[in-house]
Amino acid sequence: MRCTGIKIGLTVYFMLSGLAKGQARSSTELVQVRQEMGQLKQEYEKMSQAYAERLRELDERLKQLEKTSSQPELVSAAMVSSARQAPAVIAETATPAHQTSSQSEGQAAPAQTIPEDSTDSIQLALSQQQNNPVREKVETVLQNFVDVTGYFRAGYGRDDEGGPQVGFQAPGALAKGRLGNEAENYEELAFSKNFYLPGAFSLTRNSAGGPSTAPLARFLLRMSMYNPYQNYNSSSDTTFGIAEAWGAVGNLTPSQPSMNVWAGNRFYRRHDIHINDFFLYNISGGGGGVEDIKLPFGKIALAWIGIGSQSGFSDIPQPVPENKAGFNKGNFDFRLYDVKMLGGLGEFGLDVSHATSGHDQAGNSAPNATGVSFTFIHTAQKWAGENDLNKFYLQYGRGPAKTFTSGFETFTVNGGSFIRPDAPGSYRFRVADNMIFETGNHFSISPEVLYQATDYKQYGGLQHWFSAGVRPQAHFNNYFSLAFEPFVDWTDNNNTGVSDYLFKFTFAPQVSLGRHFMSRPAIRAFVTYAQWGNGFKGQIGGPDYVNSTQGVTWGAQMESWW
């Protein structure tokens, strides 16, 4: 079509040039040229209409083929028909946290059929070519494709005592309201690549008459960086790490195309509350397992995940932080998820955790401990609108499983940090709810409420934590918004006899791409005021607030994920 159009265009151009130069020609020749030009214009218009109609028909056909190939687990012939089609993946992991922290697992793709009419199907016509250059090009592009994702938050702030910004967090609380209260730079950068067998993109139909059933593999590497404002841009105080490095192979059997096996170090099926950056269920670490095994009523996943650390022993007469031993915690994680119930999806988690230790320099070792935890999560997506979300959590755990994480809890004694031992009969109970709600185009809000009771027995006694916060946002247009975040945390420690509160309030004008609650990137300025009770004096805000019960911080921050 382009060659024909170019030829016609050149013809018109040269004829117009000849006409301009031949003003002295006879009027008869001038009439003939005009007639010929008119005929060419009519032919050109007819050809343009014919090609436009043909392109429209092919585009409609392409859309129909893409609809039958919308599932991500399998690779089908429709992938070659449009550059808009994304490469197949095996399973998704959870985003920064930001990303909320958040991405559902793949489901089995429906069987596809290719029309028998070769005159109306580009796919069938191409599949009849044994050495197809289009297919080979698709294989080359997707084999070399590397996906890059990330999460970034960075900025700077000050406090009203003259020092760098500090975060206000109640003693005994495992999280804090995060808006205008994050005193660090944090980044994650992830690279993932899919691997395919040769011929995975063959355009011929397989024996089942559907999409390709060739196995797929995926590898992901995620790097992280943490730098506190107290030591801004100091290389010695900036922590770099490998947050994830794992691989998976899926589409192994026709009966379970979504199932995949994996091994490595990964963020494993995490759940969090965005406005306080609290991961309530986080069995992340190193190990392996199998996931996305489809059942008639949901899916199941099985995994063994472990983590190691070093710590001194805090329960000896004279604990010395430098006299360390190795600690190990292994977790067997069983999940049943994507269960349709109560207008949403339910997830049930059962974890069996076993903790052991090596020996310190004096030959001391901690007693072994085993515990079990149960987690129920109900997720209602789009419950009142396209971007609305509600998540309810109910958790109970004993012994080393009571953390609902793969790792350990630490505490400070005699100026050192120690792993908290797991006493027989120790337990934790937690219930929480978090919501994102958008009404119209000018207002969004995300409240959260949480209660937790933990009995550490002789290693800390009974402790309570209650948290409630909300972040409303007023959206003036597609870019400008105003966010507020009041938050209150109350903790009660029977071991120390301290029971008190922390309240913080943040005011933050924002610029973001979009008028949704989770629209990012976002650039914000903020002012945060915090107040706490006398029972917490000297335990919040560091040296700048050792004699205070209130404080103010301000600054600027950017936050983005993709």
Protein backbone atom coordinates (compact mmCIF):
# COMPACT_ATOMS: atom_id res chain seq x y z
CA MET A 1 0.00 0.00 0.00
CA ARG A 2 2.87 2.39 0.89
CA CYS A 3 4.64 1.77 -2.47
CA THR A 4 1.46 2.41 -4.44
CA GLY A 5 0.79 5.57 -2.45
CA ILE A 6 4.35 6.82 -3.04
CA LYS A 7 4.12 6.18 -6.79
CA ILE A 8 0.85 8.07 -7.06
CA GLY A 9 2.23 10.91 -4.96
CA LEU A 10 5.32 11.21 -7.16
CA THR A 11 3.18 11.16 -10.28
CA VAL A 12 1.04 14.01 -8.94
CA TYR A 13 4.12 15.92 -7.89
CA PHE A 14 5.85 15.74 -11.28
CA MET A 15 2.67 16.59 -13.13
CA LEU A 16 2.13 19.64 -10.96
CA SER A 17 5.77 20.67 -11.55
CA GLY A 18 5.33 20.25 -15.28
CA LEU A 19 2.20 22.30 -15.18
CA ALA A 20 3.96 25.12 -13.33
CA LYS A 21 6.80 25.20 -15.82
CA GLY A 22 4.61 24.91 -18.88
CA GLN A 23 2.58 28.06 -18.61
CA ALA A 24 3.35 28.73 -22.24
CA ARG A 25 1.83 25.48 -23.42
CA SER A 26 -1.33 25.45 -25.37
CA SER A 27 -4.69 25.53 -23.67
CA THR A 28 -5.55 22.12 -25.17
CA GLU A 29 -2.62 20.44 -23.46
CA LEU A 30 -3.54 22.21 -20.22
CA VAL A 31 -7.05 20.77 -20.33
CA GLN A 32 -5.68 17.26 -20.94
CA VAL A 33 -3.34 17.50 -17.98
CA ARG A 34 -6.18 18.66 -15.74
CA GLN A 35 -8.37 15.76 -16.84
CA GLU A 36 -5.59 13.26 -16.19
CA MET A 37 -5.00 14.76 -12.76
CA GLY A 38 -8.68 14.45 -11.93
CA GLN A 39 -8.68 10.77 -12.90
CA LEU A 40 -5.61 10.10 -10.80
CA LYS A 41 -7.22 11.80 -7.79
CA GLN A 42 -10.34 9.66 -8.15
CA GLU A 43 -8.27 6.47 -8.41
CA TYR A 44 -6.19 7.53 -5.40
CA GLU A 45 -9.28 8.17 -3.28
CA LYS A 46 -10.79 4.80 -4.22
CA MET A 47 -7.58 2.97 -3.37
CA SER A 48 -7.27 4.83 -0.05
CA GLN A 49 -10.82 3.90 0.90
CA ALA A 50 -10.23 0.26 -0.04
CA TYR A 51 -7.04 0.05 2.02
CA ALA A 52 -8.66 1.80 4.98
CA GLU A 53 -11.57 -0.65 4.88
CA ARG A 54 -9.19 -3.60 4.71
CA LEU A 55 -7.16 -2.27 7.64
CA ARG A 56 -10.33 -1.81 9.67
CA GLU A 57 -11.37 -5.42 8.99
CA LEU A 58 -7.95 -6.73 9.98
CA ASP A 59 -7.96 -4.61 13.15
CA GLU A 60 -11.34 -6.03 14.17
CA ARG A 61 -10.07 -9.52 13.49
CA LEU A 62 -6.97 -8.81 15.54
CA LYS A 63 -9.04 -7.65 18.51
CA GLN A 64 -11.09 -10.85 18.39
CA LEU A 65 -7.94 -12.96 18.39
CA GLU A 66 -6.44 -10.96 21.27
CA LYS A 67 -9.58 -11.48 23.36
CA THR A 68 -9.18 -15.24 23.07
CA SER A 69 -5.55 -14.91 24.19
CA SER A 70 -5.88 -12.65 27.27
CA GLN A 71 -4.55 -15.09 29.88
CA PRO A 72 -0.85 -14.80 30.81
CA GLU A 73 0.12 -18.40 31.56
CA LEU A 74 0.25 -19.71 28.00
CA VAL A 75 1.94 -18.48 24.88
CA SER A 76 -0.31 -18.44 21.83
CA ALA A 77 -0.13 -17.49 18.21
CA ALA A 78 -2.01 -14.25 18.88
CA MET A 79 1.09 -12.88 20.59
CA VAL A 80 2.72 -12.21 17.23
CA SER A 81 -0.11 -10.11 15.86
CA SER A 82 0.43 -7.07 18.05
CA ALA A 83 3.33 -5.40 19.82
CA ARG A 84 0.90 -4.44 22.56
CA GLN A 85 0.67 -8.01 23.85
CA ALA A 86 2.83 -8.48 26.98
CA PRO A 87 5.23 -11.41 27.41
CA ALA A 88 3.88 -14.36 29.35
CA VAL A 89 4.79 -14.63 33.02
CA ILE A 90 4.55 -17.43 35.53
CA ALA A 91 3.60 -15.74 38.78
CA GLU A 92 3.65 -12.23 40.13
CA THR A 93 5.25 -11.09 43.39
CA ALA A 94 4.17 -8.04 45.57
CA THR A 95 5.32 -4.42 44.95
CA PRO A 96 7.02 -2.04 47.15
CA ALA A 97 5.79 -1.49 49.17
CA HIS A 98 4.69 0.53 47.72
CA GLN A 99 3.62 -1.05 45.70
CA THR A 100 1.44 -2.32 47.65
CA SER A 101 2.51 -2.96 48.04
CA SER A 102 -0.01 -4.95 45.60
CA GLN A 103 -1.29 -8.22 41.82
CA SER A 104 -3.17 -11.43 41.43
CA GLU A 105 -1.74 -14.77 40.29
CA GLY A 106 -2.25 -16.08 36.79
CA GLN A 107 -5.09 -18.41 35.87
CA ALA A 108 -5.33 -21.08 33.25
CA ALA A 109 -5.91 -19.74 29.77
CA PRO A 110 -8.95 -20.93 27.84
CA ALA A 111 -8.43 -23.08 24.80
CA GLN A 112 -8.01 -21.12 21.59
CA THR A 113 -9.08 -21.96 18.09
CA ILE A 114 -7.67 -20.66 14.81
CA PRO A 115 -10.17 -20.16 11.98
CA GLU A 116 -9.97 -22.52 9.02
CA ASP A 117 -10.58 -19.74 6.46
CA SER A 118 -7.05 -18.89 5.31
CA THR A 119 -8.24 -15.84 3.38
CA ASP A 120 -9.50 -14.20 6.56
CA SER A 121 -6.77 -15.11 9.06
CA ILE A 122 -3.26 -13.72 9.14
CA GLN A 123 -2.39 -16.28 11.83
CA LEU A 124 -3.23 -19.30 9.69
CA ALA A 125 -1.51 -17.88 6.63
CA LEU A 126 1.70 -17.29 8.58
CA SER A 127 1.54 -20.67 10.28
CA GLN A 128 1.70 -22.37 6.87
CA GLN A 129 5.20 -20.99 6.42
CA GLN A 130 7.68 -23.38 8.01
CA ASN A 131 10.51 -20.87 8.39
CA ASN A 132 8.46 -17.83 9.25
CA PRO A 133 10.52 -14.63 9.71
CA VAL A 134 7.75 -13.00 11.77
CA ARG A 135 7.68 -15.89 14.23
CA GLU A 136 11.48 -15.85 14.46
CA LYS A 137 11.45 -12.11 15.13
CA VAL A 138 8.90 -12.54 17.94
CA GLU A 139 11.01 -15.29 19.49
CA THR A 140 14.08 -13.06 19.37
CA VAL A 141 12.32 -10.05 20.88
CA LEU A 142 10.69 -11.94 23.75
CA GLN A 143 13.74 -14.05 24.52
CA ASN A 144 15.78 -10.85 24.92
CA PHE A 145 13.07 -8.92 26.79
CA VAL A 146 13.99 -7.82 30.35
CA ASP A 147 11.30 -6.20 32.51
CA VAL A 148 12.40 -3.44 34.90
CA THR A 149 10.25 -2.51 37.90
CA GLY A 150 10.98 -0.49 41.00
CA TYR A 151 9.98 1.53 44.02
CA PHE A 152 11.59 4.80 45.11
CA ARG A 153 11.03 7.26 47.90
CA ALA A 154 13.52 10.02 48.58
CA GLY A 155 13.63 13.52 50.01
CA TYR A 156 14.79 15.34 53.10
CA GLY A 157 13.31 16.89 56.24
CA ARG A 158 14.14 18.82 59.40
CA ASP A 159 12.82 18.89 62.92
CA ASP A 160 11.99 21.88 65.09
CA GLU A 161 15.01 21.23 67.33
CA GLY A 162 17.44 21.90 64.48
CA GLY A 163 18.35 18.37 63.53
CA PRO A 164 17.47 16.11 60.61
CA GLN A 165 13.94 14.73 60.42
CA VAL A 166 13.14 11.83 62.74
CA GLY A 167 10.25 9.36 62.64
CA PHE A 168 7.71 9.41 65.46
CA GLN A 169 6.82 5.84 66.52
CA ALA A 170 5.32 4.58 69.77
CA PRO A 171 7.42 2.10 71.82
CA GLY A 172 5.94 -1.37 71.39
CA ALA A 173 4.22 -0.47 68.10
CA LEU A 174 5.41 -2.43 65.08
CA ALA A 175 4.56 0.38 62.62
CA LYS A 176 3.73 4.08 62.40
CA GLY A 177 1.67 6.41 60.22
CA ARG A 178 3.98 6.94 57.24
CA LEU A 179 2.85 10.16 55.52
CA GLY A 180 5.42 12.84 56.40
CA ASN A 181 6.95 10.44 58.92
CA GLU A 182 9.54 8.53 56.89
CA ALA A 183 13.02 9.72 57.78
CA GLU A 184 14.98 7.80 55.17
CA ASN A 185 15.56 7.24 51.49
CA TYR A 186 14.62 3.80 50.26
CA GLU A 187 14.81 2.30 46.79
CA GLU A 188 14.18 -1.03 45.11
CA LEU A 189 15.12 -1.86 41.53
CA ALA A 190 14.09 -5.22 40.06
CA PHE A 191 15.01 -6.96 36.82
CA SER A 192 13.01 -9.97 35.62
CA LYS A 193 13.36 -12.10 32.53
CA ASN A 194 11.26 -14.85 31.00
CA PHE A 195 12.80 -17.86 29.30
CA TYR A 196 11.08 -19.91 26.59
CA LEU A 197 11.84 -23.16 24.84
CA PRO A 198 12.73 -22.96 21.14
CA GLY A 199 9.58 -23.01 19.04
CA ALA A 200 7.37 -21.83 21.88
CA PHE A 201 5.92 -19.22 19.52
CA SER A 202 5.19 -21.53 16.63
CA LEU A 203 2.04 -20.38 14.91
CA THR A 204 0.86 -23.88 14.10
CA ARG A 205 -1.84 -25.34 16.29
CA ASN A 206 -0.79 -27.91 18.87
CA SER A 207 -2.41 -31.33 19.22
CA ALA A 208 -5.12 -29.92 21.47
CA GLY A 209 -6.02 -27.20 18.98
CA GLY A 210 -5.25 -24.51 21.57
CA PRO A 211 -2.33 -22.31 22.68
CA SER A 212 1.23 -23.53 23.20
CA THR A 213 1.81 -25.74 26.25
CA ALA A 214 5.59 -25.34 26.34
CA PRO A 215 7.06 -24.72 29.84
CA LEU A 216 8.07 -21.18 30.73
CA ALA A 217 10.74 -20.00 33.17
CA ARG A 218 11.20 -16.71 34.97
CA PHE A 219 14.07 -15.18 36.96
CA LEU A 220 13.88 -12.05 39.14
CA LEU A 221 16.62 -10.03 40.82
CA ARG A 222 15.70 -7.15 43.16
CA MET A 223 18.27 -4.79 44.67
CA SER A 224 17.55 -2.45 47.59
CA MET A 225 19.10 0.65 49.14
CA TYR A 226 18.43 2.25 52.55
CA ASN A 227 19.84 5.58 53.77
CA PRO A 228 18.55 7.38 56.93
CA TYR A 229 18.31 11.16 57.00
CA GLN A 230 20.46 11.17 60.16
CA ASN A 231 23.44 10.21 57.96
CA TYR A 232 22.34 11.61 54.63
CA ASN A 233 24.26 10.26 51.63
CA SER A 234 26.90 8.71 53.88
CA SER A 235 28.28 5.66 52.11
CA SER A 236 29.18 3.98 55.41
CA ASP A 237 25.59 4.38 56.65
CA THR A 238 23.89 3.38 53.40
CA THR A 239 22.80 -0.23 53.23
CA PHE A 240 22.69 -2.06 49.93
CA GLY A 241 21.20 -5.51 49.62
CA ILE A 242 19.76 -8.21 47.41
CA ALA A 243 16.12 -8.23 48.45
CA GLU A 244 15.14 -10.96 45.98
CA ALA A 245 16.88 -13.46 43.72
CA TRP A 246 14.69 -16.35 42.65
CA GLY A 247 13.51 -18.34 39.69
CA ALA A 248 10.42 -20.34 38.75
CA VAL A 249 9.29 -22.73 36.05
CA GLY A 250 5.62 -23.03 35.13
CA ASN A 251 3.20 -24.44 32.58
CA LEU A 252 4.64 -27.90 33.24
CA THR A 253 1.51 -29.98 32.81
CA PRO A 254 -1.57 -29.48 30.60
CA SER A 255 -3.85 -30.22 33.56
CA GLN A 256 -2.23 -27.49 35.73
CA PRO A 257 -0.93 -24.76 33.38
CA SER A 258 -0.85 -22.11 36.14
CA MET A 259 1.18 -24.26 38.57
CA ASN A 260 4.84 -23.35 38.98
CA VAL A 261 7.77 -24.49 41.08
CA TRP A 262 10.24 -21.97 42.47
CA ALA A 263 13.41 -21.66 44.56
CA GLY A 264 15.58 -18.81 45.80
CA ASN A 265 15.15 -15.76 48.01
CA ARG A 266 11.87 -13.94 47.42
CA PHE A 267 9.08 -11.75 48.78
CA TYR A 268 6.55 -14.51 49.35
CA ARG A 269 2.84 -13.71 49.05
CA ARG A 270 3.00 -10.64 51.30
CA HIS A 271 0.07 -8.61 52.63
CA ASP A 272 0.41 -5.08 53.97
CA ILE A 273 -1.44 -1.91 54.99
CA HIS A 274 -0.20 0.95 52.83
CA ILE A 275 -0.70 3.97 55.08
CA ASN A 276 1.51 2.60 57.88
CA ASP A 277 3.70 0.34 55.68
CA PHE A 278 2.98 -2.62 57.96
CA PHE A 279 3.34 -6.14 56.55
CA LEU A 280 0.95 -8.22 58.61
CA TYR A 281 1.73 -11.47 56.80
CA ASN A 282 5.23 -11.76 55.40
CA ILE A 283 6.82 -15.21 55.09
CA SER A 284 9.64 -13.91 52.90
CA GLY A 285 13.08 -15.48 52.77
CA GLY A 286 15.05 -18.25 51.14
CA GLY A 287 13.67 -21.64 50.19
CA GLY A 288 11.41 -23.17 47.59
CA GLY A 289 7.94 -24.42 46.88
CA VAL A 290 5.10 -24.91 44.48
CA GLU A 291 2.19 -22.51 44.01
CA ASP A 292 -0.93 -21.78 41.97
CA ILE A 293 -2.17 -25.37 42.05
CA LYS A 294 -5.72 -24.90 40.86
CA LEU A 295 -8.62 -26.53 42.69
CA PRO A 296 -12.35 -26.37 41.91
CA PHE A 297 -12.78 -23.81 44.71
CA GLY A 298 -9.47 -21.91 44.69
CA LYS A 299 -5.73 -22.44 44.58
CA ILE A 300 -3.11 -23.84 46.97
CA ALA A 301 0.59 -23.19 47.52
CA LEU A 302 3.17 -25.07 49.60
CA ALA A 303 6.57 -23.69 50.57
CA TRP A 304 9.50 -24.16 52.90
CA ILE A 305 11.19 -20.84 53.73
CA GLY A 306 14.02 -20.21 56.16
CA ILE A 307 16.05 -17.33 57.49
CA GLY A 308 19.20 -17.02 59.58
CA SER A 309 20.55 -14.36 61.92
CA GLN A 310 23.13 -13.73 64.63
CA SER A 311 22.47 -12.52 68.16
CA GLY A 312 23.71 -12.74 71.72
CA PHE A 313 21.66 -14.50 74.39
CA SER A 314 19.56 -12.14 76.45
CA ASP A 315 18.46 -14.68 79.09
CA ILE A 316 21.89 -15.35 80.61
CA PRO A 317 22.95 -13.48 83.82
CA GLN A 318 25.22 -11.03 81.96
CA PRO A 319 24.13 -10.67 78.32
CA VAL A 320 26.87 -9.42 75.98
CA PRO A 321 25.69 -8.21 72.52
CA GLU A 322 29.08 -8.96 70.93
CA ASN A 323 29.09 -12.61 72.07
CA LYS A 324 26.89 -13.89 69.26
CA ALA A 325 25.55 -17.21 68.12
CA GLY A 326 23.78 -18.21 64.94
CA PHE A 327 20.00 -18.53 64.94
CA ASN A 328 17.88 -20.39 62.39
CA LYS A 329 14.15 -20.37 61.73
CA GLY A 330 12.47 -22.66 59.23
CA ASN A 331 8.85 -22.22 58.17
CA PHE A 332 6.49 -24.61 56.40
CA ASP A 333 3.85 -22.43 54.76
CA PHE A 334 0.51 -23.79 53.47
CA ARG A 335 -1.90 -21.46 51.61
CA LEU A 336 -5.39 -21.82 50.26
CA TYR A 337 -6.39 -18.68 48.35
CA ASP A 338 -8.64 -17.19 45.69
CA VAL A 339 -11.59 -18.79 47.48
CA LYS A 340 -14.78 -16.96 46.48
CA MET A 341 -16.68 -16.01 49.64
CA LEU A 342 -18.58 -13.11 51.22
CA GLY A 343 -18.47 -10.98 48.08
CA GLY A 344 -14.71 -11.26 47.68
CA LEU A 345 -11.79 -13.66 47.92
CA GLY A 346 -10.59 -15.49 51.00
CA GLU A 347 -7.07 -16.62 51.83
CA PHE A 348 -6.20 -19.13 54.56
CA GLY A 349 -2.62 -19.55 55.78
CA LEU A 350 -1.16 -22.21 58.08
CA ASP A 351 2.48 -21.90 59.16
CA VAL A 352 4.60 -24.31 61.20
CA SER A 353 7.81 -22.64 62.43
CA HIS A 354 10.82 -24.22 64.13
CA ALA A 355 13.60 -22.11 65.67
CA THR A 356 17.05 -23.34 66.73
CA SER A 357 20.39 -21.79 67.66
CA GLY A 358 24.06 -22.61 67.53
CA HIS A 359 26.60 -21.91 70.29
CA ASP A 360 28.24 -18.71 71.46
CA GLN A 361 31.85 -18.42 72.62
CA ALA A 362 30.94 -19.77 76.05
CA GLY A 363 29.10 -22.76 74.60
CA ASN A 364 25.62 -21.43 75.40
CA SER A 365 22.70 -22.24 73.09
CA ALA A 366 19.03 -21.36 73.10
CA PRO A 367 16.38 -24.05 73.51
CA ASN A 368 14.62 -25.20 70.36
CA ALA A 369 11.10 -23.89 69.85
CA THR A 370 8.22 -24.90 67.58
CA GLY A 371 4.98 -23.04 66.95
CA VAL A 372 1.96 -22.86 64.66
CA SER A 373 0.07 -19.85 63.31
CA PHE A 374 -3.19 -19.36 61.44
CA THR A 375 -4.08 -16.40 59.20
CA PHE A 376 -7.33 -15.51 57.47
CA ILE A 377 -7.53 -12.63 54.98
CA HIS A 378 -10.63 -11.48 53.15
CA THR A 379 -10.14 -9.17 50.18
CA ALA A 380 -13.03 -7.31 48.55
CA GLN A 381 -11.89 -5.56 45.39
CA LYS A 382 -14.03 -3.02 43.57
CA TRP A 383 -16.59 -3.36 46.35
CA ALA A 384 -18.00 0.10 45.70
CA GLY A 385 -16.05 1.31 42.66
CA GLU A 386 -13.32 0.48 40.20
CA ASN A 387 -10.46 1.44 42.56
CA ASP A 388 -12.01 0.52 45.91
CA LEU A 389 -10.49 -2.13 48.16
CA ASN A 390 -11.15 -3.60 51.59
CA LYS A 391 -8.96 -6.15 53.40
CA PHE A 392 -9.79 -7.84 56.71
CA TYR A 393 -7.19 -9.78 58.74
CA LEU A 394 -7.54 -12.30 61.56
CA GLN A 395 -4.38 -13.96 62.93
CA TYR A 396 -3.31 -16.17 65.84
CA GLY A 397 0.10 -17.74 66.42
CA ARG A 398 2.15 -19.46 69.12
CA GLY A 399 5.87 -19.76 69.78
CA PRO A 400 8.17 -18.74 66.90
CA ALA A 401 5.20 -18.69 64.49
CA LYS A 402 3.54 -15.80 66.35
CA THR A 403 5.55 -13.22 64.39
CA PHE A 404 3.61 -14.08 61.16
CA THR A 405 6.94 -13.53 59.40
CA SER A 406 9.79 -15.82 58.44
CA GLY A 407 12.21 -14.06 60.80
CA PHE A 408 12.72 -13.06 64.42
CA GLU A 409 11.68 -10.20 66.68
CA THR A 410 14.39 -8.24 68.47
CA PHE A 411 14.46 -6.06 71.56
CA THR A 412 17.00 -3.90 73.35
CA VAL A 413 18.54 -4.66 76.76
CA ASN A 414 21.75 -3.35 78.37
CA GLY A 415 22.41 -1.20 75.30
CA GLY A 416 22.40 -4.14 72.88
CA SER A 417 19.93 -5.66 70.45
CA PHE A 418 18.94 -9.29 70.97
CA ILE A 419 16.65 -11.84 69.36
CA ARG A 420 13.68 -12.31 71.66
CA PRO A 421 13.44 -15.92 72.84
CA ASP A 422 10.21 -17.86 72.25
CA ALA A 423 8.90 -19.09 75.57
CA PRO A 424 6.59 -22.11 75.75
CA GLY A 425 3.00 -20.89 75.65
CA SER A 426 3.84 -17.49 74.16
CA TYR A 427 1.25 -16.26 71.66
CA ARG A 428 -0.03 -13.35 69.57
CA PHE A 429 -3.54 -12.42 68.46
CA ARG A 430 -4.17 -9.77 65.81
CA VAL A 431 -7.21 -8.37 64.02
CA ALA A 432 -7.13 -5.53 61.48
CA ASP A 433 -9.03 -3.89 58.66
CA ASN A 434 -7.90 -1.54 55.91
CA MET A 435 -9.88 0.20 53.17
CA ILE A 436 -9.37 2.35 50.10
CA PHE A 437 -12.47 4.24 49.00
CA GLU A 438 -12.91 6.79 46.21
CA THR A 439 -16.04 8.82 45.71
CA GLY A 440 -16.38 10.85 42.56
CA ASN A 441 -13.32 12.50 41.08
CA HIS A 442 -12.44 14.80 43.97
CA PHE A 443 -12.10 12.70 47.13
CA SER A 444 -10.41 9.48 48.23
CA ILE A 445 -9.72 8.04 51.66
CA SER A 446 -7.93 5.10 53.29
CA PRO A 447 -8.60 4.26 56.96
CA GLU A 448 -7.05 1.46 59.00
CA VAL A 449 -7.67 -0.01 62.43
CA LEU A 450 -5.61 -2.69 64.21
CA TYR A 451 -5.48 -4.42 67.57
CA GLN A 452 -2.77 -6.82 68.71
CA ALA A 453 -2.17 -8.69 71.97
CA THR A 454 1.13 -10.52 72.54
CA ASP A 455 2.15 -12.57 75.58
CA TYR A 456 5.92 -13.10 75.64
CA LYS A 457 5.66 -14.86 79.02
CA GLN A 458 8.92 -14.44 80.99
CA TYR A 459 10.62 -12.66 78.07
CA GLY A 460 8.47 -9.52 78.05
CA GLY A 461 5.08 -10.29 79.55
CA LEU A 462 1.72 -9.29 78.08
CA GLN A 463 1.73 -6.33 75.66
CA HIS A 464 -1.13 -4.61 73.81
CA TRP A 465 -1.02 -2.42 70.72
CA PHE A 466 -3.93 -0.48 69.23
CA SER A 467 -3.54 1.58 66.06
CA ALA A 468 -6.02 3.73 64.14
CA GLY A 469 -5.36 6.13 61.31
CA VAL A 470 -6.87 7.60 58.17
CA ARG A 471 -5.55 9.41 55.11
CA PRO A 472 -8.15 11.51 53.25
CA GLN A 473 -7.15 13.20 50.02
CA ALA A 474 -8.89 16.08 48.23
CA HIS A 475 -8.20 16.03 44.48
CA PHE A 476 -8.55 19.43 42.82
CA ASN A 477 -7.81 18.14 39.31
CA ASN A 478 -5.80 15.38 37.65
CA TYR A 479 -2.55 16.57 39.20
CA PHE A 480 -3.00 18.57 42.41
CA SER A 481 -4.25 17.10 45.69
CA LEU A 482 -4.13 17.75 49.40
CA ALA A 483 -3.54 14.87 51.84
CA PHE A 484 -4.05 14.72 55.61
CA GLU A 485 -3.12 11.90 57.96
CA PRO A 486 -4.10 11.76 61.63
CA PHE A 487 -2.79 8.65 63.42
CA VAL A 488 -2.92 7.37 66.98
CA ASP A 489 -1.04 4.43 68.51
CA TRP A 490 -1.57 3.15 72.05
CA THR A 491 0.60 0.51 73.68
CA ASP A 492 0.41 -1.14 77.09
CA ASN A 493 3.38 -3.08 78.50
CA ASN A 494 2.61 -5.09 81.62
CA ASN A 495 6.30 -5.89 82.06
CA THR A 496 7.39 -2.22 82.34
CA GLY A 497 4.08 -0.87 83.64
CA VAL A 498 3.97 1.80 80.90
CA SER A 499 0.70 2.44 79.11
CA ASP A 500 0.50 5.53 76.90
CA TYR A 501 -0.24 6.98 73.45
CA LEU A 502 1.32 8.75 70.48
CA PHE A 503 -0.67 11.03 68.18
CA LYS A 504 0.63 12.48 64.92
CA PHE A 505 -0.97 14.65 62.23
CA THR A 506 0.45 15.39 58.78
CA PHE A 507 -0.54 18.02 56.22
CA ALA A 508 0.80 17.36 52.69
CA PRO A 509 0.04 19.15 49.39
CA GLN A 510 0.86 16.84 46.48
CA VAL A 511 1.43 16.74 42.73
CA SER A 512 0.78 13.36 41.11
CA LEU A 513 -0.14 11.86 37.77
CA GLY A 514 -3.80 11.06 38.33
CA ARG A 515 -6.58 11.73 40.81
CA HIS A 516 -6.67 8.32 42.51
CA PHE A 517 -5.54 7.49 46.03
CA MET A 518 -2.65 5.37 44.75
CA SER A 519 -1.68 7.60 41.82
CA ARG A 520 2.08 7.76 41.45
CA PRO A 521 4.62 9.30 40.93
CA ALA A 522 3.82 11.79 43.71
CA ILE A 523 5.82 14.79 44.83
CA ARG A 524 4.78 16.23 48.17
CA ALA A 525 5.72 18.81 50.76
CA PHE A 526 4.69 18.02 54.35
CA VAL A 527 4.46 19.28 57.89
CA THR A 528 4.03 16.75 60.71
CA TYR A 529 3.10 17.38 64.34
CA ALA A 530 3.39 14.65 66.97
CA GLN A 531 2.47 14.47 70.64
CA TRP A 532 2.94 11.65 73.15
CA GLY A 533 2.31 10.92 76.81
CA ASN A 534 4.76 11.30 79.69
CA GLY A 535 5.17 7.53 79.86
CA PHE A 536 7.00 7.66 76.53
CA LYS A 537 9.25 10.61 77.38
CA GLY A 538 12.80 9.90 76.27
CA GLN A 539 11.75 6.97 74.04
CA ILE A 540 10.50 8.83 70.93
CA GLY A 541 12.38 11.04 68.47
CA GLY A 542 15.93 10.34 69.62
CA PRO A 543 18.23 12.82 71.38
CA ASP A 544 16.43 15.90 70.00
CA TYR A 545 13.29 15.02 71.96
CA VAL A 546 14.69 13.22 75.00
CA ASN A 547 13.00 15.74 77.33
CA SER A 548 9.96 16.50 75.18
CA THR A 549 6.47 15.12 74.66
CA GLN A 550 5.85 16.78 71.28
CA GLY A 551 7.68 17.59 68.08
CA VAL A 552 7.36 19.07 64.58
CA THR A 553 9.06 18.00 61.35
CA TRP A 554 8.79 19.29 57.78
CA GLY A 555 10.30 18.53 54.41
CA ALA A 556 9.73 17.28 50.88
CA GLN A 557 9.49 13.78 49.42
CA MET A 558 8.95 11.99 46.12
CA GLU A 559 7.45 8.53 45.89
CA SER A 560 7.08 6.38 42.81
CA TRP A 561 6.63 2.80 41.70
CA TRP A 562 6.17 1.12 38.36
